[in-house]
Amino acid sequence: MTEEGGTSPPDAEDPIVHRELFEGERPASEEAAEIEVAEIIADLEGREPTDISALYDTIDHLVEHLFSNPPPIEAQAELTFTYEGYRICLFQDGHATFMKVSE
């Protein structure tokens, strides 16, 4: 899934993958953003989402809180963390970046 809808893992030319977690709307449930992050990682790695660790075990529902009770838009909040070998930055507006970190 790229912004055009195809699949493209990070590569040497552009190691950062950009995604939108939701299109202009808040997730249907608080857990939806966490699930989508895990699905993106699984897609990038060519794995099934059930084969990777639960995101909430890694960062204790911080993603859920960013989108379920967001700060005012003026805060321009973002959350950066490492999960399953990727440095992930989630922005309050739903934009996300994924960068594979060295092993």
PDB file of N, CA and C in Angstrom:
ATOM      1  N   MET A   1       0.833  -1.183   0.000  1.00  0.00           N
ATOM      2  CA  MET A   1       0.000   0.000   0.000  1.00  0.00           C
ATOM      3  C   MET A   1       0.874   1.241   0.000  1.00  0.00           C
ATOM      4  N   THR A   2       0.914   1.939  -1.075  1.00  0.00           N
ATOM      5  CA  THR A   2       1.537   3.254  -1.093  1.00  0.00           C
ATOM      6  C   THR A   2       0.401   4.247  -1.150  1.00  0.00           C
ATOM      7  N   GLU A   3       0.739   5.517  -1.281  1.00  0.00           N
ATOM      8  CA  GLU A   3      -0.328   6.498  -1.392  1.00  0.00           C
ATOM      9  C   GLU A   3      -1.172   6.245  -2.636  1.00  0.00           C
ATOM     10  N   GLU A   4      -0.578   5.560  -3.642  1.00  0.00           N
ATOM     11  CA  GLU A   4      -1.327   5.223  -4.840  1.00  0.00           C
ATOM     12  C   GLU A   4      -2.080   3.913  -4.685  1.00  0.00           C
ATOM     13  N   GLY A   5      -1.866   3.184  -3.583  1.00  0.00           N
ATOM     14  CA  GLY A   5      -2.589   1.964  -3.328  1.00  0.00           C
ATOM     15  C   GLY A   5      -1.807   0.689  -3.582  1.00  0.00           C
ATOM     16  N   GLY A   6      -0.589   0.767  -4.163  1.00  0.00           N
ATOM     17  CA  GLY A   6       0.207  -0.424  -4.406  1.00  0.00           C
ATOM     18  C   GLY A   6       1.050  -0.763  -3.199  1.00  0.00           C
ATOM     19  N   THR A   7       1.808  -1.831  -3.303  1.00  0.00           N
ATOM     20  CA  THR A   7       2.681  -2.236  -2.214  1.00  0.00           C
ATOM     21  C   THR A   7       4.109  -1.851  -2.554  1.00  0.00           C
ATOM     22  N   SER A   8       4.776  -1.184  -1.618  1.00  0.00           N
ATOM     23  CA  SER A   8       6.178  -0.875  -1.844  1.00  0.00           C
ATOM     24  C   SER A   8       6.906  -0.802  -0.518  1.00  0.00           C
ATOM     25  N   PRO A   9       7.836  -1.734  -0.314  1.00  0.00           N
ATOM     26  CA  PRO A   9       8.636  -1.673   0.911  1.00  0.00           C
ATOM     27  C   PRO A   9       9.632  -0.534   0.827  1.00  0.00           C
ATOM     28  N   PRO A  10      10.187  -0.105   1.957  1.00  0.00           N
ATOM     29  CA  PRO A  10      11.193   0.946   1.909  1.00  0.00           C
ATOM     30  C   PRO A  10      12.386   0.467   1.085  1.00  0.00           C
ATOM     31  N   ASP A  11      13.028   1.389   0.393  1.00  0.00           N
ATOM     32  CA  ASP A  11      14.203   1.027  -0.385  1.00  0.00           C
ATOM     33  C   ASP A  11      15.310   2.036  -0.142  1.00  0.00           C
ATOM     34  N   ALA A  12      16.443   1.810  -0.759  1.00  0.00           N
ATOM     35  CA  ALA A  12      17.606   2.666  -0.540  1.00  0.00           C
ATOM     36  C   ALA A  12      17.373   4.083  -1.035  1.00  0.00           C
ATOM     37  N   GLU A  13      16.571   4.255  -2.086  1.00  0.00           N
ATOM     38  CA  GLU A  13      16.326   5.591  -2.627  1.00  0.00           C
ATOM     39  C   GLU A  13      15.445   6.421  -1.703  1.00  0.00           C
ATOM     40  N   ASP A  14      14.405   5.845  -1.174  1.00  0.00           N
ATOM     41  CA  ASP A  14      13.509   6.547  -0.266  1.00  0.00           C
ATOM     42  C   ASP A  14      13.185   5.607   0.887  1.00  0.00           C
ATOM     43  N   PRO A  15      13.989   5.637   1.938  1.00  0.00           N
ATOM     44  CA  PRO A  15      13.795   4.687   3.035  1.00  0.00           C
ATOM     45  C   PRO A  15      12.570   4.979   3.902  1.00  0.00           C
ATOM     46  N   ILE A  16      11.894   6.092   3.658  1.00  0.00           N
ATOM     47  CA  ILE A  16      10.728   6.447   4.467  1.00  0.00           C
ATOM     48  C   ILE A  16       9.455   6.178   3.667  1.00  0.00           C
ATOM     49  N   VAL A  17       8.556   5.413   4.275  1.00  0.00           N
ATOM     50  CA  VAL A  17       7.260   5.116   3.667  1.00  0.00           C
ATOM     51  C   VAL A  17       6.230   6.012   4.337  1.00  0.00           C
ATOM     52  N   HIS A  18       5.417   6.678   3.534  1.00  0.00           N
ATOM     53  CA  HIS A  18       4.372   7.569   4.050  1.00  0.00           C
ATOM     54  C   HIS A  18       3.014   6.902   3.860  1.00  0.00           C
ATOM     55  N   ARG A  19       2.184   6.985   4.873  1.00  0.00           N
ATOM     56  CA  ARG A  19       0.831   6.426   4.803  1.00  0.00           C
ATOM     57  C   ARG A  19      -0.143   7.353   5.521  1.00  0.00           C
ATOM     58  N   GLU A  20      -1.397   7.219   5.183  1.00  0.00           N
ATOM     59  CA  GLU A  20      -2.474   7.907   5.889  1.00  0.00           C
ATOM     60  C   GLU A  20      -3.248   6.849   6.662  1.00  0.00           C
ATOM     61  N   LEU A  21      -3.378   7.027   7.975  1.00  0.00           N
ATOM     62  CA  LEU A  21      -4.090   6.041   8.778  1.00  0.00           C
ATOM     63  C   LEU A  21      -5.591   6.090   8.548  1.00  0.00           C
ATOM     64  N   PHE A  22      -6.086   7.252   8.244  1.00  0.00           N
ATOM     65  CA  PHE A  22      -7.504   7.392   7.943  1.00  0.00           C
ATOM     66  C   PHE A  22      -7.652   8.599   7.046  1.00  0.00           C
ATOM     67  N   GLU A  23      -8.650   8.571   6.224  1.00  0.00           N
ATOM     68  CA  GLU A  23      -8.843   9.631   5.232  1.00  0.00           C
ATOM     69  C   GLU A  23      -9.741  10.744   5.774  1.00  0.00           C
ATOM     70  N   GLY A  24      -9.156  11.689   6.470  1.00  0.00           N
ATOM     71  CA  GLY A  24      -9.897  12.858   6.926  1.00  0.00           C
ATOM     72  C   GLY A  24     -10.900  12.625   8.038  1.00  0.00           C
ATOM     73  N   GLU A  25     -10.998  11.406   8.526  1.00  0.00           N
ATOM     74  CA  GLU A  25     -11.926  11.091   9.610  1.00  0.00           C
ATOM     75  C   GLU A  25     -11.175  10.402  10.729  1.00  0.00           C
ATOM     76  N   ARG A  26     -11.692  10.506  11.909  1.00  0.00           N
ATOM     77  CA  ARG A  26     -11.117   9.779  13.034  1.00  0.00           C
ATOM     78  C   ARG A  26     -11.422   8.294  12.856  1.00  0.00           C
ATOM     79  N   PRO A  27     -10.596   7.419  13.429  1.00  0.00           N
ATOM     80  CA  PRO A  27     -10.863   5.983  13.331  1.00  0.00           C
ATOM     81  C   PRO A  27     -12.217   5.631  13.937  1.00  0.00           C
ATOM     82  N   ALA A  28     -12.812   4.551  13.431  1.00  0.00           N
ATOM     83  CA  ALA A  28     -14.125   4.116  13.919  1.00  0.00           C
ATOM     84  C   ALA A  28     -14.070   3.706  15.387  1.00  0.00           C
ATOM     85  N   SER A  29     -12.936   3.207  15.839  1.00  0.00           N
ATOM     86  CA  SER A  29     -12.764   2.853  17.242  1.00  0.00           C
ATOM     87  C   SER A  29     -11.365   3.282  17.667  1.00  0.00           C
ATOM     88  N   GLU A  30     -11.172   3.350  18.967  1.00  0.00           N
ATOM     89  CA  GLU A  30      -9.867   3.774  19.469  1.00  0.00           C
ATOM     90  C   GLU A  30      -8.759   2.818  19.024  1.00  0.00           C
ATOM     91  N   GLU A  31      -9.091   1.536  18.915  1.00  0.00           N
ATOM     92  CA  GLU A  31      -8.082   0.538  18.552  1.00  0.00           C
ATOM     93  C   GLU A  31      -7.788   0.519  17.058  1.00  0.00           C
ATOM     94  N   ALA A  32      -8.620   1.149  16.232  1.00  0.00           N
ATOM     95  CA  ALA A  32      -8.465   1.077  14.780  1.00  0.00           C
ATOM     96  C   ALA A  32      -7.108   1.585  14.307  1.00  0.00           C
ATOM     97  N   ALA A  33      -6.607   2.657  14.879  1.00  0.00           N
ATOM     98  CA  ALA A  33      -5.307   3.189  14.467  1.00  0.00           C
ATOM     99  C   ALA A  33      -4.188   2.217  14.827  1.00  0.00           C
ATOM    100  N   GLU A  34      -4.259   1.603  16.011  1.00  0.00           N
ATOM    101  CA  GLU A  34      -3.254   0.618  16.406  1.00  0.00           C
ATOM    102  C   GLU A  34      -3.261  -0.574  15.450  1.00  0.00           C
ATOM    103  N   ILE A  35      -4.423  -1.037  15.091  1.00  0.00           N
ATOM    104  CA  ILE A  35      -4.557  -2.164  14.167  1.00  0.00           C
ATOM    105  C   ILE A  35      -4.001  -1.787  12.802  1.00  0.00           C
ATOM    106  N   GLU A  36      -4.308  -0.582  12.350  1.00  0.00           N
ATOM    107  CA  GLU A  36      -3.816  -0.154  11.037  1.00  0.00           C
ATOM    108  C   GLU A  36      -2.295  -0.052  10.999  1.00  0.00           C
ATOM    109  N   VAL A  37      -1.682   0.435  12.066  1.00  0.00           N
ATOM    110  CA  VAL A  37      -0.216   0.498  12.134  1.00  0.00           C
ATOM    111  C   VAL A  37       0.360  -0.912  12.021  1.00  0.00           C
ATOM    112  N   ALA A  38      -0.196  -1.848  12.763  1.00  0.00           N
ATOM    113  CA  ALA A  38       0.280  -3.233  12.707  1.00  0.00           C
ATOM    114  C   ALA A  38       0.085  -3.825  11.313  1.00  0.00           C
ATOM    115  N   GLU A  39      -1.026  -3.520  10.661  1.00  0.00           N
ATOM    116  CA  GLU A  39      -1.272  -4.022   9.312  1.00  0.00           C
ATOM    117  C   GLU A  39      -0.283  -3.438   8.305  1.00  0.00           C
ATOM    118  N   ILE A  40       0.077  -2.178   8.464  1.00  0.00           N
ATOM    119  CA  ILE A  40       1.057  -1.546   7.571  1.00  0.00           C
ATOM    120  C   ILE A  40       2.416  -2.232   7.738  1.00  0.00           C
ATOM    121  N   ILE A  41       2.831  -2.457   8.978  1.00  0.00           N
ATOM    122  CA  ILE A  41       4.105  -3.136   9.218  1.00  0.00           C
ATOM    123  C   ILE A  41       4.074  -4.534   8.605  1.00  0.00           C
ATOM    124  N   ALA A  42       3.007  -5.265   8.809  1.00  0.00           N
ATOM    125  CA  ALA A  42       2.890  -6.605   8.240  1.00  0.00           C
ATOM    126  C   ALA A  42       2.999  -6.541   6.717  1.00  0.00           C
ATOM    127  N   ASP A  43       2.339  -5.560   6.104  1.00  0.00           N
ATOM    128  CA  ASP A  43       2.387  -5.386   4.652  1.00  0.00           C
ATOM    129  C   ASP A  43       3.815  -5.084   4.189  1.00  0.00           C
ATOM    130  N   LEU A  44       4.497  -4.193   4.875  1.00  0.00           N
ATOM    131  CA  LEU A  44       5.867  -3.837   4.507  1.00  0.00           C
ATOM    132  C   LEU A  44       6.813  -5.032   4.621  1.00  0.00           C
ATOM    133  N   GLU A  45       6.548  -5.903   5.572  1.00  0.00           N
ATOM    134  CA  GLU A  45       7.412  -7.053   5.814  1.00  0.00           C
ATOM    135  C   GLU A  45       6.955  -8.312   5.077  1.00  0.00           C
ATOM    136  N   GLY A  46       5.806  -8.243   4.396  1.00  0.00           N
ATOM    137  CA  GLY A  46       5.292  -9.419   3.702  1.00  0.00           C
ATOM    138  C   GLY A  46       4.844 -10.508   4.664  1.00  0.00           C
ATOM    139  N   ARG A  47       4.320 -10.095   5.807  1.00  0.00           N
ATOM    140  CA  ARG A  47       3.875 -11.033   6.842  1.00  0.00           C
ATOM    141  C   ARG A  47       2.391 -10.835   7.100  1.00  0.00           C
ATOM    142  N   GLU A  48       1.813 -11.758   7.825  1.00  0.00           N
ATOM    143  CA  GLU A  48       0.425 -11.628   8.265  1.00  0.00           C
ATOM    144  C   GLU A  48       0.392 -10.770   9.532  1.00  0.00           C
ATOM    145  N   PRO A  49      -0.624  -9.923   9.693  1.00  0.00           N
ATOM    146  CA  PRO A  49      -0.708  -9.096  10.908  1.00  0.00           C
ATOM    147  C   PRO A  49      -0.705  -9.926  12.192  1.00  0.00           C
ATOM    148  N   THR A  50      -1.214 -11.136  12.137  1.00  0.00           N
ATOM    149  CA  THR A  50      -1.235 -11.983  13.332  1.00  0.00           C
ATOM    150  C   THR A  50       0.133 -12.535  13.690  1.00  0.00           C
ATOM    151  N   ASP A  51       1.114 -12.376  12.786  1.00  0.00           N
ATOM    152  CA  ASP A  51       2.461 -12.886  13.033  1.00  0.00           C
ATOM    153  C   ASP A  51       3.386 -11.870  13.707  1.00  0.00           C
ATOM    154  N   ILE A  52       2.900 -10.680  13.973  1.00  0.00           N
ATOM    155  CA  ILE A  52       3.735  -9.672  14.625  1.00  0.00           C
ATOM    156  C   ILE A  52       3.184  -9.370  16.013  1.00  0.00           C
ATOM    157  N   SER A  53       4.015  -8.798  16.862  1.00  0.00           N
ATOM    158  CA  SER A  53       3.602  -8.522  18.241  1.00  0.00           C
ATOM    159  C   SER A  53       2.532  -7.439  18.297  1.00  0.00           C
ATOM    160  N   ALA A  54       1.752  -7.485  19.355  1.00  0.00           N
ATOM    161  CA  ALA A  54       0.694  -6.488  19.544  1.00  0.00           C
ATOM    162  C   ALA A  54       1.318  -5.128  19.824  1.00  0.00           C
ATOM    163  N   LEU A  55       0.824  -4.110  19.155  1.00  0.00           N
ATOM    164  CA  LEU A  55       1.356  -2.761  19.328  1.00  0.00           C
ATOM    165  C   LEU A  55       1.172  -2.265  20.758  1.00  0.00           C
ATOM    166  N   TYR A  56       0.036  -2.562  21.380  1.00  0.00           N
ATOM    167  CA  TYR A  56      -0.190  -2.063  22.737  1.00  0.00           C
ATOM    168  C   TYR A  56       0.796  -2.640  23.740  1.00  0.00           C
ATOM    169  N   ASP A  57       1.385  -3.813  23.431  1.00  0.00           N
ATOM    170  CA  ASP A  57       2.425  -4.354  24.313  1.00  0.00           C
ATOM    171  C   ASP A  57       3.693  -3.523  24.245  1.00  0.00           C
ATOM    172  N   THR A  58       3.885  -2.820  23.133  1.00  0.00           N
ATOM    173  CA  THR A  58       5.085  -2.034  22.920  1.00  0.00           C
ATOM    174  C   THR A  58       4.980  -0.635  23.507  1.00  0.00           C
ATOM    175  N   ILE A  59       3.857   0.029  23.281  1.00  0.00           N
ATOM    176  CA  ILE A  59       3.750   1.425  23.732  1.00  0.00           C
ATOM    177  C   ILE A  59       2.484   1.714  24.538  1.00  0.00           C
ATOM    178  N   ASP A  60       1.868   0.671  25.084  1.00  0.00           N
ATOM    179  CA  ASP A  60       0.791   0.805  26.069  1.00  0.00           C
ATOM    180  C   ASP A  60      -0.312   1.787  25.680  1.00  0.00           C
ATOM    181  N   HIS A  61      -0.919   1.583  24.546  1.00  0.00           N
ATOM    182  CA  HIS A  61      -2.105   2.326  24.102  1.00  0.00           C
ATOM    183  C   HIS A  61      -1.879   3.808  23.813  1.00  0.00           C
ATOM    184  N   LEU A  62      -0.632   4.254  23.636  1.00  0.00           N
ATOM    185  CA  LEU A  62      -0.396   5.660  23.330  1.00  0.00           C
ATOM    186  C   LEU A  62      -1.001   6.062  21.986  1.00  0.00           C
ATOM    187  N   VAL A  63      -0.980   5.155  21.006  1.00  0.00           N
ATOM    188  CA  VAL A  63      -1.586   5.453  19.706  1.00  0.00           C
ATOM    189  C   VAL A  63      -3.086   5.671  19.886  1.00  0.00           C
ATOM    190  N   GLU A  64      -3.688   4.787  20.629  1.00  0.00           N
ATOM    191  CA  GLU A  64      -5.126   4.893  20.915  1.00  0.00           C
ATOM    192  C   GLU A  64      -5.455   6.255  21.520  1.00  0.00           C
ATOM    193  N   HIS A  65      -4.658   6.688  22.481  1.00  0.00           N
ATOM    194  CA  HIS A  65      -4.923   7.963  23.155  1.00  0.00           C
ATOM    195  C   HIS A  65      -4.705   9.167  22.238  1.00  0.00           C
ATOM    196  N   LEU A  66      -3.739   9.076  21.329  1.00  0.00           N
ATOM    197  CA  LEU A  66      -3.484  10.184  20.408  1.00  0.00           C
ATOM    198  C   LEU A  66      -4.704  10.471  19.541  1.00  0.00           C
ATOM    199  N   PHE A  67      -5.409   9.414  19.129  1.00  0.00           N
ATOM    200  CA  PHE A  67      -6.534   9.601  18.223  1.00  0.00           C
ATOM    201  C   PHE A  67      -7.905   9.556  18.895  1.00  0.00           C
ATOM    202  N   SER A  68      -8.032   8.965  20.086  1.00  0.00           N
ATOM    203  CA  SER A  68      -9.345   8.889  20.721  1.00  0.00           C
ATOM    204  C   SER A  68      -9.692  10.163  21.480  1.00  0.00           C
ATOM    205  N   ASN A  69      -8.700  10.838  22.017  1.00  0.00           N
ATOM    206  CA  ASN A  69      -8.924  12.074  22.763  1.00  0.00           C
ATOM    207  C   ASN A  69      -7.814  13.043  22.371  1.00  0.00           C
ATOM    208  N   PRO A  70      -7.823  13.465  21.100  1.00  0.00           N
ATOM    209  CA  PRO A  70      -6.678  14.255  20.618  1.00  0.00           C
ATOM    210  C   PRO A  70      -6.596  15.636  21.250  1.00  0.00           C
ATOM    211  N   PRO A  71      -5.380  16.141  21.351  1.00  0.00           N
ATOM    212  CA  PRO A  71      -5.200  17.511  21.800  1.00  0.00           C
ATOM    213  C   PRO A  71      -5.716  18.464  20.722  1.00  0.00           C
ATOM    214  N   PRO A  72      -5.837  19.741  21.028  1.00  0.00           N
ATOM    215  CA  PRO A  72      -6.278  20.690  20.005  1.00  0.00           C
ATOM    216  C   PRO A  72      -5.358  20.628  18.793  1.00  0.00           C
ATOM    217  N   ILE A  73      -5.905  20.858  17.612  1.00  0.00           N
ATOM    218  CA  ILE A  73      -5.142  20.772  16.374  1.00  0.00           C
ATOM    219  C   ILE A  73      -3.932  21.702  16.401  1.00  0.00           C
ATOM    220  N   GLU A  74      -4.033  22.797  17.133  1.00  0.00           N
ATOM    221  CA  GLU A  74      -2.913  23.734  17.237  1.00  0.00           C
ATOM    222  C   GLU A  74      -1.698  23.089  17.883  1.00  0.00           C
ATOM    223  N   ALA A  75      -1.905  22.028  18.650  1.00  0.00           N
ATOM    224  CA  ALA A  75      -0.792  21.352  19.316  1.00  0.00           C
ATOM    225  C   ALA A  75       0.103  20.636  18.319  1.00  0.00           C
ATOM    226  N   GLN A  76      -0.446  20.276  17.169  1.00  0.00           N
ATOM    227  CA  GLN A  76       0.299  19.541  16.144  1.00  0.00           C
ATOM    228  C   GLN A  76       1.036  18.357  16.774  1.00  0.00           C
ATOM    229  N   ALA A  77       0.318  17.580  17.566  1.00  0.00           N
ATOM    230  CA  ALA A  77       0.909  16.460  18.299  1.00  0.00           C
ATOM    231  C   ALA A  77       1.411  15.374  17.361  1.00  0.00           C
ATOM    232  N   GLU A  78       2.491  14.741  17.785  1.00  0.00           N
ATOM    233  CA  GLU A  78       3.017  13.595  17.064  1.00  0.00           C
ATOM    234  C   GLU A  78       3.594  12.620  18.076  1.00  0.00           C
ATOM    235  N   LEU A  79       3.646  11.365  17.672  1.00  0.00           N
ATOM    236  CA  LEU A  79       4.146  10.298  18.518  1.00  0.00           C
ATOM    237  C   LEU A  79       5.170   9.517  17.712  1.00  0.00           C
ATOM    238  N   THR A  80       6.380   9.364  18.242  1.00  0.00           N
ATOM    239  CA  THR A  80       7.448   8.644  17.549  1.00  0.00           C
ATOM    240  C   THR A  80       7.912   7.493  18.430  1.00  0.00           C
ATOM    241  N   PHE A  81       8.026   6.314  17.825  1.00  0.00           N
ATOM    242  CA  PHE A  81       8.427   5.126  18.568  1.00  0.00           C
ATOM    243  C   PHE A  81       8.984   4.092  17.598  1.00  0.00           C
ATOM    244  N   THR A  82       9.623   3.068  18.141  1.00  0.00           N
ATOM    245  CA  THR A  82      10.141   1.964  17.338  1.00  0.00           C
ATOM    246  C   THR A  82       9.296   0.730  17.613  1.00  0.00           C
ATOM    247  N   TYR A  83       8.935   0.036  16.524  1.00  0.00           N
ATOM    248  CA  TYR A  83       8.081  -1.146  16.623  1.00  0.00           C
ATOM    249  C   TYR A  83       8.418  -2.087  15.474  1.00  0.00           C
ATOM    250  N   GLU A  84       8.687  -3.330  15.795  1.00  0.00           N
ATOM    251  CA  GLU A  84       8.956  -4.367  14.792  1.00  0.00           C
ATOM    252  C   GLU A  84      10.048  -3.958  13.798  1.00  0.00           C
ATOM    253  N   GLY A  85      11.067  -3.245  14.285  1.00  0.00           N
ATOM    254  CA  GLY A  85      12.188  -2.869  13.428  1.00  0.00           C
ATOM    255  C   GLY A  85      11.954  -1.627  12.590  1.00  0.00           C
ATOM    256  N   TYR A  86      10.916  -0.860  12.870  1.00  0.00           N
ATOM    257  CA  TYR A  86      10.622   0.379  12.148  1.00  0.00           C
ATOM    258  C   TYR A  86      10.534   1.536  13.126  1.00  0.00           C
ATOM    259  N   ARG A  87      11.065   2.680  12.715  1.00  0.00           N
ATOM    260  CA  ARG A  87      10.882   3.928  13.467  1.00  0.00           C
ATOM    261  C   ARG A  87       9.637   4.551  12.867  1.00  0.00           C
ATOM    262  N   ILE A  88       8.620   4.725  13.690  1.00  0.00           N
ATOM    263  CA  ILE A  88       7.307   5.169  13.234  1.00  0.00           C
ATOM    264  C   ILE A  88       7.008   6.525  13.840  1.00  0.00           C
ATOM    265  N   CYS A  89       6.516   7.426  13.018  1.00  0.00           N
ATOM    266  CA  CYS A  89       6.072   8.730  13.507  1.00  0.00           C
ATOM    267  C   CYS A  89       4.622   8.902  13.080  1.00  0.00           C
ATOM    268  N   LEU A  90       3.744   9.054  14.061  1.00  0.00           N
ATOM    269  CA  LEU A  90       2.320   9.271  13.806  1.00  0.00           C
ATOM    270  C   LEU A  90       1.990  10.719  14.118  1.00  0.00           C
ATOM    271  N   PHE A  91       1.302  11.353  13.209  1.00  0.00           N
ATOM    272  CA  PHE A  91       0.902  12.741  13.387  1.00  0.00           C
ATOM    273  C   PHE A  91      -0.581  12.796  13.708  1.00  0.00           C
ATOM    274  N   GLN A  92      -0.961  13.786  14.455  1.00  0.00           N
ATOM    275  CA  GLN A  92      -2.337  13.953  14.910  1.00  0.00           C
ATOM    276  C   GLN A  92      -3.347  13.946  13.765  1.00  0.00           C
ATOM    277  N   ASP A  93      -2.934  14.387  12.570  1.00  0.00           N
ATOM    278  CA  ASP A  93      -3.860  14.432  11.436  1.00  0.00           C
ATOM    279  C   ASP A  93      -4.019  13.087  10.732  1.00  0.00           C
ATOM    280  N   GLY A  94      -3.323  12.044  11.221  1.00  0.00           N
ATOM    281  CA  GLY A  94      -3.441  10.716  10.640  1.00  0.00           C
ATOM    282  C   GLY A  94      -2.318  10.338   9.696  1.00  0.00           C
ATOM    283  N   HIS A  95      -1.428  11.271   9.373  1.00  0.00           N
ATOM    284  CA  HIS A  95      -0.276  10.957   8.529  1.00  0.00           C
ATOM    285  C   HIS A  95       0.720  10.149   9.349  1.00  0.00           C
ATOM    286  N   ALA A  96       1.369   9.196   8.710  1.00  0.00           N
ATOM    287  CA  ALA A  96       2.342   8.362   9.399  1.00  0.00           C
ATOM    288  C   ALA A  96       3.545   8.117   8.498  1.00  0.00           C
ATOM    289  N   THR A  97       4.712   8.017   9.129  1.00  0.00           N
ATOM    290  CA  THR A  97       5.913   7.645   8.384  1.00  0.00           C
ATOM    291  C   THR A  97       6.513   6.399   9.042  1.00  0.00           C
ATOM    292  N   PHE A  98       7.076   5.539   8.202  1.00  0.00           N
ATOM    293  CA  PHE A  98       7.678   4.289   8.639  1.00  0.00           C
ATOM    294  C   PHE A  98       9.069   4.206   8.025  1.00  0.00           C
ATOM    295  N   MET A  99      10.103   4.029   8.866  1.00  0.00           N
ATOM    296  CA  MET A  99      11.460   3.921   8.369  1.00  0.00           C
ATOM    297  C   MET A  99      12.116   2.705   9.007  1.00  0.00           C
ATOM    298  N   LYS A 100      12.593   1.787   8.179  1.00  0.00           N
ATOM    299  CA  LYS A 100      13.275   0.585   8.657  1.00  0.00           C
ATOM    300  C   LYS A 100      14.564   1.024   9.351  1.00  0.00           C
ATOM    301  N   VAL A 101      14.794   0.512  10.577  1.00  0.00           N
ATOM    302  CA  VAL A 101      16.019   0.823  11.297  1.00  0.00           C
ATOM    303  C   VAL A 101      17.019  -0.306  11.117  1.00  0.00           C
ATOM    304  N   SER A 102      18.310  -0.014  11.250  1.00  0.00           N
ATOM    305  CA  SER A 102      19.327  -1.048  11.071  1.00  0.00           C
ATOM    306  C   SER A 102      19.153  -2.133  12.114  1.00  0.00           C
ATOM    307  N   GLU A 103      19.527  -3.305  11.689  1.00  0.00           N
ATOM    308  CA  GLU A 103      19.389  -4.460  12.587  1.00  0.00           C
ATOM    309  C   GLU A 103      20.649  -4.714  13.339  1.00  0.00           C
TER     310      GLU A 103
END
